[in-house]
C-alpha atoms as a PDB file:
ATOM      1  CA  MET A   1      -0.006   0.078   0.077  1.00  0.00           C
ATOM      2  CA  LYS A   2       2.899   2.546   0.869  1.00  0.00           C
ATOM      3  CA  ARG A   3       4.510   1.660  -2.301  1.00  0.00           C
ATOM      4  CA  VAL A   4       1.477   2.198  -4.226  1.00  0.00           C
ATOM      5  CA  LEU A   5       1.501   5.684  -2.732  1.00  0.00           C
ATOM      6  CA  ARG A   6       4.997   6.602  -3.102  1.00  0.00           C
ATOM      7  CA  LEU A   7       4.359   5.741  -7.027  1.00  0.00           C
ATOM      8  CA  LYS A   8       1.017   7.651  -6.946  1.00  0.00           C
ATOM      9  CA  THR A   9       3.281  10.735  -5.183  1.00  0.00           C
ATOM     10  CA  LEU A  10       6.130  10.700  -7.715  1.00  0.00           C
ATOM     11  CA  ALA A  11       3.771   9.857 -11.077  1.00  0.00           C
ATOM     12  CA  VAL A  12       2.151  13.715  -9.447  1.00  0.00           C
ATOM     13  CA  ALA A  13       5.716  14.885  -9.249  1.00  0.00           C
ATOM     14  CA  VAL A  14       6.596  14.099 -12.413  1.00  0.00           C
ATOM     15  CA  LEU A  15       3.627  15.578 -13.937  1.00  0.00           C
ATOM     16  CA  ALA A  16       4.125  18.821 -12.225  1.00  0.00           C
ATOM     17  CA  ILE A  17       7.355  19.183 -13.546  1.00  0.00           C
ATOM     18  CA  VAL A  18       6.389  18.308 -17.250  1.00  0.00           C
ATOM     19  CA  LEU A  19       3.433  21.156 -17.122  1.00  0.00           C
ATOM     20  CA  PHE A  20       5.714  23.394 -15.110  1.00  0.00           C
ATOM     21  CA  THR A  21       8.253  23.164 -18.018  1.00  0.00           C
ATOM     22  CA  LEU A  22       5.814  23.575 -20.605  1.00  0.00           C
ATOM     23  CA  TYR A  23       4.472  26.482 -19.234  1.00  0.00           C
ATOM     24  CA  LEU A  24       8.163  28.356 -19.247  1.00  0.00           C
ATOM     25  CA  THR A  25       8.935  26.932 -22.763  1.00  0.00           C
ATOM     26  CA  PRO A  26       8.460  29.722 -25.532  1.00  0.00           C
ATOM     27  CA  PRO A  27       6.078  29.217 -28.088  1.00  0.00           C
ATOM     28  CA  VAL A  28       7.411  27.743 -31.195  1.00  0.00           C
ATOM     29  CA  LEU A  29       7.164  30.144 -34.522  1.00  0.00           C
ATOM     30  CA  ALA A  30       5.497  28.588 -37.543  1.00  0.00           C
ATOM     31  CA  ALA A  31       4.593  30.417 -40.368  1.00  0.00           C
ATOM     32  CA  ASN A  32       0.900  29.621 -41.345  1.00  0.00           C
ATOM     33  CA  ALA A  33       1.152  27.545 -44.681  1.00  0.00           C
ATOM     34  CA  GLU A  34      -1.671  29.112 -46.281  1.00  0.00           C
ATOM     35  CA  ASP A  35      -0.108  32.886 -46.114  1.00  0.00           C
ATOM     36  CA  VAL A  36       2.999  31.356 -47.248  1.00  0.00           C
ATOM     37  CA  SER A  37       1.341  30.361 -50.396  1.00  0.00           C
ATOM     38  CA  GLN A  38      -0.789  33.133 -51.136  1.00  0.00           C
ATOM     39  CA  LEU A  39       2.262  35.383 -50.691  1.00  0.00           C
ATOM     40  CA  LEU A  40       4.369  33.592 -53.441  1.00  0.00           C
ATOM     41  CA  LYS A  41       1.344  32.893 -55.878  1.00  0.00           C
ATOM     42  CA  ASP A  42      -0.295  36.263 -55.675  1.00  0.00           C
ATOM     43  CA  ASN A  43       2.841  38.519 -53.901  1.00  0.00           C
ATOM     44  CA  TRP A  44       0.855  39.821 -51.179  1.00  0.00           C
ATOM     45  CA  CYS A  45      -0.342  38.962 -47.920  1.00  0.00           C
ATOM     46  CA  VAL A  46      -1.171  41.695 -45.203  1.00  0.00           C
ATOM     47  CA  SER A  47      -2.686  42.114 -41.852  1.00  0.00           C
ATOM     48  CA  PHE A  48      -5.980  43.865 -41.469  1.00  0.00           C
ATOM     49  CA  LEU A  49      -8.722  44.272 -38.672  1.00  0.00           C
ATOM     50  CA  TRP A  50      -9.116  40.930 -37.289  1.00  0.00           C
ATOM     51  CA  LYS A  51      -7.086  38.543 -39.917  1.00  0.00           C
ATOM     52  CA  GLN A  52      -2.945  38.699 -39.227  1.00  0.00           C
ATOM     53  CA  CYS A  53      -0.603  37.495 -42.050  1.00  0.00           C
ATOM     54  CA  ASP A  54       1.650  35.041 -40.124  1.00  0.00           C
ATOM     55  CA  LEU A  55       5.125  34.328 -41.891  1.00  0.00           C
ATOM     56  CA  SER A  56       6.804  34.091 -38.674  1.00  0.00           C
ATOM     57  CA  ALA A  57      10.024  31.929 -39.263  1.00  0.00           C
ATOM     58  CA  ALA A  58       8.932  31.473 -42.796  1.00  0.00           C
ATOM     59  CA  ASP A  59      12.021  30.289 -45.176  1.00  0.00           C
ATOM     60  CA  LEU A  60      11.993  32.493 -47.965  1.00  0.00           C
ATOM     61  CA  ARG A  61      15.365  32.512 -48.861  1.00  0.00           C
ATOM     62  CA  GLY A  62      16.148  34.083 -52.184  1.00  0.00           C
ATOM     63  CA  ALA A  63      12.592  35.087 -53.017  1.00  0.00           C
ATOM     64  CA  ASN A  64      11.247  37.046 -55.440  1.00  0.00           C
ATOM     65  CA  LEU A  65       8.985  39.705 -53.615  1.00  0.00           C
ATOM     66  CA  GLN A  66       9.206  42.265 -55.717  1.00  0.00           C
ATOM     67  CA  GLU A  67       6.677  45.180 -55.042  1.00  0.00           C
ATOM     68  CA  ALA A  68       5.252  42.612 -52.606  1.00  0.00           C
ATOM     69  CA  ASN A  69       2.562  43.855 -50.216  1.00  0.00           C
ATOM     70  CA  LEU A  70       3.457  42.633 -46.938  1.00  0.00           C
ATOM     71  CA  SER A  71       2.112  45.820 -44.743  1.00  0.00           C
ATOM     72  CA  GLY A  72       1.633  44.880 -40.982  1.00  0.00           C
ATOM     73  CA  ALA A  73       2.815  41.032 -41.878  1.00  0.00           C
ATOM     74  CA  ASN A  74       4.211  38.920 -39.178  1.00  0.00           C
ATOM     75  CA  LEU A  75       7.592  38.223 -40.336  1.00  0.00           C
ATOM     76  CA  SER A  76       9.544  37.615 -37.098  1.00  0.00           C
ATOM     77  CA  GLY A  77      12.221  35.305 -37.359  1.00  0.00           C
ATOM     78  CA  ALA A  78      11.751  34.694 -40.672  1.00  0.00           C
ATOM     79  CA  ASN A  79      14.513  33.828 -43.466  1.00  0.00           C
ATOM     80  CA  LEU A  80      15.025  36.249 -46.159  1.00  0.00           C
ATOM     81  CA  SER A  81      18.580  36.332 -46.852  1.00  0.00           C
ATOM     82  CA  GLY A  82      19.384  37.091 -50.492  1.00  0.00           C
ATOM     83  CA  ALA A  83      15.587  38.289 -51.280  1.00  0.00           C
ATOM     84  CA  ASN A  84      14.402  40.338 -53.712  1.00  0.00           C
ATOM     85  CA  LEU A  85      12.259  42.742 -51.818  1.00  0.00           C
ATOM     86  CA  LYS A  86      12.511  45.880 -54.137  1.00  0.00           C
ATOM     87  CA  ASN A  87       9.965  48.290 -53.615  1.00  0.00           C
ATOM     88  CA  ALA A  88       7.949  46.183 -51.714  1.00  0.00           C
ATOM     89  CA  ASP A  89       5.672  47.140 -48.794  1.00  0.00           C
ATOM     90  CA  LEU A  90       6.804  46.384 -45.472  1.00  0.00           C
ATOM     91  CA  SER A  91       5.475  49.291 -43.273  1.00  0.00           C
ATOM     92  CA  ASP A  92       4.274  48.423 -40.190  1.00  0.00           C
ATOM     93  CA  ALA A  93       5.605  44.745 -40.838  1.00  0.00           C
ATOM     94  CA  ASP A  94       6.964  42.648 -37.606  1.00  0.00           C
ATOM     95  CA  LEU A  95      10.764  41.853 -38.635  1.00  0.00           C
ATOM     96  CA  SER A  96      12.359  41.004 -35.225  1.00  0.00           C
ATOM     97  CA  GLY A  97      15.208  38.700 -35.408  1.00  0.00           C
ATOM     98  CA  ALA A  98      14.474  38.220 -39.207  1.00  0.00           C
ATOM     99  CA  ASN A  99      17.635  37.417 -41.404  1.00  0.00           C
ATOM    100  CA  LEU A 100      17.686  39.760 -44.251  1.00  0.00           C
ATOM    101  CA  ALA A 101      21.353  39.192 -44.924  1.00  0.00           C
ATOM    102  CA  ASN A 102      22.535  39.825 -48.671  1.00  0.00           C
ATOM    103  CA  ALA A 103      18.667  41.532 -49.533  1.00  0.00           C
ATOM    104  CA  ASP A 104      17.637  43.749 -51.969  1.00  0.00           C
ATOM    105  CA  ILE A 105      15.835  46.632 -50.132  1.00  0.00           C
ATOM    106  CA  LEU A 106      15.725  49.085 -52.727  1.00  0.00           C
ATOM    107  CA  GLY A 107      13.115  51.492 -52.533  1.00  0.00           C
ATOM    108  CA  THR A 108      11.340  49.727 -50.126  1.00  0.00           C
ATOM    109  CA  ASP A 109       8.817  50.982 -47.564  1.00  0.00           C
ATOM    110  CA  LEU A 110       9.792  49.978 -44.319  1.00  0.00           C
ATOM    111  CA  ARG A 111       8.123  52.864 -42.071  1.00  0.00           C
ATOM    112  CA  ARG A 112       7.165  51.922 -38.782  1.00  0.00           C
ATOM    113  CA  ALA A 113       8.468  48.394 -39.333  1.00  0.00           C
ATOM    114  CA  ASN A 114      10.102  46.367 -36.146  1.00  0.00           C
ATOM    115  CA  LEU A 115      13.514  45.499 -37.262  1.00  0.00           C
ATOM    116  CA  THR A 116      14.876  44.721 -33.617  1.00  0.00           C
ATOM    117  CA  GLU A 117      17.673  42.414 -33.976  1.00  0.00           C
ATOM    118  CA  ALA A 118      17.799  41.870 -37.358  1.00  0.00           C
ATOM    119  CA  ASN A 119      20.223  41.004 -39.605  1.00  0.00           C
ATOM    120  CA  LEU A 120      20.872  43.486 -42.007  1.00  0.00           C
ATOM    121  CA  ASN A 121      24.176  42.456 -42.935  1.00  0.00           C
ATOM    122  CA  ARG A 122      25.523  43.548 -46.621  1.00  0.00           C
ATOM    123  CA  THR A 123      22.035  44.306 -47.221  1.00  0.00           C
ATOM    124  CA  LYS A 124      21.014  46.902 -50.050  1.00  0.00           C
ATOM    125  CA  LEU A 125      18.881  49.693 -48.452  1.00  0.00           C
ATOM    126  CA  TRP A 126      19.069  52.261 -51.300  1.00  0.00           C
ATOM    127  CA  ASP A 127      16.394  54.867 -50.998  1.00  0.00           C
ATOM    128  CA  ALA A 128      14.798  52.591 -48.685  1.00  0.00           C
ATOM    129  CA  ASN A 129      11.921  54.303 -46.166  1.00  0.00           C
ATOM    130  CA  LEU A 130      12.605  53.394 -42.588  1.00  0.00           C
ATOM    131  CA  THR A 131      10.777  56.573 -40.976  1.00  0.00           C
ATOM    132  CA  LEU A 132      10.524  55.802 -37.361  1.00  0.00           C
ATOM    133  CA  ALA A 133      11.546  52.092 -37.745  1.00  0.00           C
ATOM    134  CA  ASN A 134      12.879  50.296 -34.880  1.00  0.00           C
ATOM    135  CA  LEU A 135      16.333  49.072 -35.477  1.00  0.00           C
ATOM    136  CA  SER A 136      17.535  48.566 -32.049  1.00  0.00           C
ATOM    137  CA  ARG A 137      20.349  45.940 -31.679  1.00  0.00           C
ATOM    138  CA  ALA A 138      19.876  45.391 -35.570  1.00  0.00           C
ATOM    139  CA  ASN A 139      23.321  44.083 -37.206  1.00  0.00           C
ATOM    140  CA  LEU A 140      23.603  46.667 -40.283  1.00  0.00           C
ATOM    141  CA  GLN A 141      27.599  46.015 -41.151  1.00  0.00           C
ATOM    142  CA  ASP A 142      28.432  46.739 -44.525  1.00  0.00           C
ATOM    143  CA  ALA A 143      24.964  47.708 -45.301  1.00  0.00           C
ATOM    144  CA  ASN A 144      24.042  49.991 -48.304  1.00  0.00           C
ATOM    145  CA  LEU A 145      21.990  53.192 -46.589  1.00  0.00           C
ATOM    146  CA  LEU A 146      22.174  55.323 -49.514  1.00  0.00           C
ATOM    147  CA  ASP A 147      19.987  57.928 -49.638  1.00  0.00           C
ATOM    148  CA  SER A 148      17.763  55.830 -47.037  1.00  0.00           C
ATOM    149  CA  ARG A 149      15.542  57.869 -44.817  1.00  0.00           C
ATOM    150  CA  LEU A 150      16.019  57.198 -41.191  1.00  0.00           C
ATOM    151  CA  TRP A 151      13.845  60.211 -39.772  1.00  0.00           C
ATOM    152  CA  GLY A 152      12.984  59.005 -36.015  1.00  0.00           C
ATOM    153  CA  SER A 153      14.345  55.852 -36.528  1.00  0.00           C
ATOM    154  CA  ASN A 154      16.052  53.916 -33.381  1.00  0.00           C
ATOM    155  CA  LEU A 155      18.958  52.630 -33.977  1.00  0.00           C
ATOM    156  CA  THR A 156      20.315  52.292 -30.043  1.00  0.00           C
ATOM    157  CA  GLN A 157      22.979  49.476 -29.816  1.00  0.00           C
ATOM    158  CA  ALA A 158      23.008  48.977 -33.743  1.00  0.00           C
ATOM    159  CA  ASN A 159      25.975  47.619 -35.343  1.00  0.00           C
ATOM    160  CA  LEU A 160      26.957  49.799 -38.419  1.00  0.00           C
ATOM    161  CA  THR A 161      30.437  49.062 -38.654  1.00  0.00           C
ATOM    162  CA  ASP A 162      31.291  49.427 -42.194  1.00  0.00           C
ATOM    163  CA  ALA A 163      28.130  50.657 -43.645  1.00  0.00           C
ATOM    164  CA  THR A 164      27.521  53.564 -46.272  1.00  0.00           C
ATOM    165  CA  LEU A 165      25.497  56.322 -44.852  1.00  0.00           C
ATOM    166  CA  HIS A 166      25.821  59.025 -48.131  1.00  0.00           C
ATOM    167  CA  GLY A 167      22.617  60.871 -48.078  1.00  0.00           C
ATOM    168  CA  ALA A 168      20.994  59.170 -45.594  1.00  0.00           C
ATOM    169  CA  ASP A 169      18.335  61.296 -43.505  1.00  0.00           C
ATOM    170  CA  LEU A 170      19.299  60.778 -39.727  1.00  0.00           C
ATOM    171  CA  GLN A 171      17.045  63.474 -38.209  1.00  0.00           C
ATOM    172  CA  TYR A 172      15.755  62.422 -34.927  1.00  0.00           C
ATOM    173  CA  ALA A 173      17.339  59.161 -35.220  1.00  0.00           C
ATOM    174  CA  ASN A 174      18.532  57.913 -32.244  1.00  0.00           C
ATOM    175  CA  LEU A 175      21.851  56.387 -32.407  1.00  0.00           C
ATOM    176  CA  ALA A 176      22.839  56.157 -28.849  1.00  0.00           C
ATOM    177  CA  ASP A 177      25.620  53.197 -28.079  1.00  0.00           C
ATOM    178  CA  SER A 178      25.285  52.206 -31.487  1.00  0.00           C
ATOM    179  CA  ASN A 179      28.785  50.999 -33.220  1.00  0.00           C
ATOM    180  CA  LEU A 180      29.551  53.036 -36.444  1.00  0.00           C
ATOM    181  CA  THR A 181      33.278  51.918 -36.499  1.00  0.00           C
ATOM    182  CA  ASN A 182      34.765  52.829 -40.081  1.00  0.00           C
ATOM    183  CA  ALA A 183      31.448  53.904 -41.397  1.00  0.00           C
ATOM    184  CA  ASP A 184      31.239  55.953 -44.302  1.00  0.00           C
ATOM    185  CA  LEU A 185      29.646  59.297 -43.457  1.00  0.00           C
ATOM    186  CA  HIS A 186      31.918  61.441 -45.969  1.00  0.00           C
ATOM    187  CA  SER A 187      30.575  64.891 -46.560  1.00  0.00           C
ATOM    188  CA  PHE A 188      27.443  63.799 -44.238  1.00  0.00           C
ATOM    189  CA  PHE A 189      24.983  66.397 -43.117  1.00  0.00           C
ATOM    190  CA  PHE A 190      23.235  65.541 -39.647  1.00  0.00           C
ATOM    191  CA  ARG A 191      20.406  68.385 -39.912  1.00  0.00           C
ATOM    192  CA  GLY A 192      19.917  71.492 -37.940  1.00  0.00           C
ATOM    193  CA  SER A 193      19.999  71.703 -33.968  1.00  0.00           C
ATOM    194  CA  LYS A 194      16.405  71.345 -34.137  1.00  0.00           C
ATOM    195  CA  GLN A 195      16.212  68.164 -35.763  1.00  0.00           C
ATOM    196  CA  VAL A 196      18.404  66.293 -33.241  1.00  0.00           C
ATOM    197  CA  THR A 197      20.506  63.164 -34.088  1.00  0.00           C
ATOM    198  CA  ASN A 198      21.425  61.393 -30.848  1.00  0.00           C
ATOM    199  CA  LEU A 199      25.026  59.943 -31.400  1.00  0.00           C
ATOM    200  CA  SER A 200      25.570  59.726 -27.425  1.00  0.00           C
ATOM    201  CA  ASN A 201      27.937  57.227 -26.817  1.00  0.00           C
ATOM    202  CA  ALA A 202      28.558  55.815 -30.408  1.00  0.00           C
ATOM    203  CA  ASN A 203      31.522  54.446 -31.348  1.00  0.00           C
ATOM    204  CA  LEU A 204      32.675  56.210 -34.251  1.00  0.00           C
ATOM    205  CA  GLU A 205      36.387  55.038 -34.421  1.00  0.00           C
ATOM    206  CA  GLY A 206      37.689  55.128 -37.883  1.00  0.00           C
ATOM    207  CA  ALA A 207      34.441  56.462 -39.456  1.00  0.00           C
ATOM    208  CA  ASN A 208      34.986  59.110 -42.496  1.00  0.00           C
ATOM    209  CA  LEU A 209      33.880  62.187 -41.321  1.00  0.00           C
ATOM    210  CA  THR A 210      35.573  64.332 -43.785  1.00  0.00           C
ATOM    211  CA  GLY A 211      33.518  67.302 -44.414  1.00  0.00           C
ATOM    212  CA  THR A 212      30.883  65.760 -42.301  1.00  0.00           C
ATOM    213  CA  ASN A 213      28.328  68.264 -40.817  1.00  0.00           C
ATOM    214  CA  LEU A 214      27.799  67.287 -36.887  1.00  0.00           C
ATOM    215  CA  ARG A 215      26.059  70.714 -35.947  1.00  0.00           C
ATOM    216  CA  GLY A 216      23.049  69.552 -34.142  1.00  0.00           C
ATOM    217  CA  ALA A 217      24.236  66.100 -33.360  1.00  0.00           C
ATOM    218  CA  VAL A 218      24.336  64.822 -29.526  1.00  0.00           C
ATOM    219  CA  LEU A 219      28.012  63.404 -29.475  1.00  0.00           C
ATOM    220  CA  ASN A 220      28.206  63.265 -25.664  1.00  0.00           C
ATOM    221  CA  GLY A 221      30.209  60.274 -24.897  1.00  0.00           C
ATOM    222  CA  ALA A 222      30.885  59.607 -28.317  1.00  0.00           C
ATOM    223  CA  ILE A 223      34.289  57.826 -29.452  1.00  0.00           C
ATOM    224  CA  MET A 224      35.641  59.806 -32.513  1.00  0.00           C
ATOM    225  CA  PRO A 225      37.292  58.630 -35.485  1.00  0.00           C
ATOM    226  CA  ASP A 226      40.688  59.163 -33.702  1.00  0.00           C
ATOM    227  CA  GLY A 227      39.926  57.227 -30.726  1.00  0.00           C
ATOM    228  CA  SER A 228      39.444  60.291 -28.199  1.00  0.00           C
ATOM    229  CA  ILE A 229      36.093  60.240 -26.450  1.00  0.00           C
ATOM    230  CA  ASN A 230      34.067  63.731 -27.406  1.00  0.00           C
ATOM    231  CA  ASN A 231      33.118  65.926 -24.027  1.00  0.00           C
ATOM    232  CA  GLU A 232      31.283  68.651 -25.957  1.00  0.00           C
ATOM    233  CA  GLU A 233      27.381  67.667 -26.326  1.00  0.00           C
ATOM    234  CA  ILE A 234      26.785  69.444 -29.555  1.00  0.00           C
ATOM    235  CA  GLY A 235      28.970  68.859 -32.741  1.00  0.00           C
ATOM    236  CA  LEU A 236      30.449  70.997 -35.122  1.00  0.00           C
ATOM    237  CA  ASN A 237      31.511  71.212 -38.736  1.00  0.00           C
ATOM    238  CA  LEU A 238      34.709  69.125 -39.565  1.00  0.00           C
ATOM    239  CA  LYS A 239      37.154  69.844 -42.547  1.00  0.00           C
END
């Protein structure tokens, strides 16, 4: 009898442990097969009202999604490496943790998109609209951001090592604690003091700032190209 009671107690304990483990385990991302099929067939999958386009963790490597409509879609954790997203609509989309390495995002609409911790290594972002996008902790190493719009974007702790930022609009952008080592900001203009770009504590070591207008940019604690730490809050023009 005692043995039976011990076995029952053990079974209850094991069940409790299993249930507790399941409770703590985060849900596994899995795309909706119908949404993936619709995207590849019709080149669109959008979220509206009660319907969410679920492409989370979808394997879309090298997919041709030029001019696709993915407004508000859930692409968190999706693999879009090498994909063609030219002129696509990804406004308000969730791309957190997505892999966009080597993707072509020329002229793409990414307004208010969530790109937290996304991989954008060597990604072509020419003329992309990233207004108010969240790029915190994103990997933008060697990315080409030529003429891109980053107005009001969040780039805190982003990796912009070797990135090209010719003509990019960084008005009101927050680049605090970002890594801009060897980034190309040649002849860049950070706009006026009423349109502040936050570069506090950013790492600009080795960056090309020749002819750059830093007037209005917040540079307190930033590491400058020569390795020195800036103590002036607001930057000036560089020759």
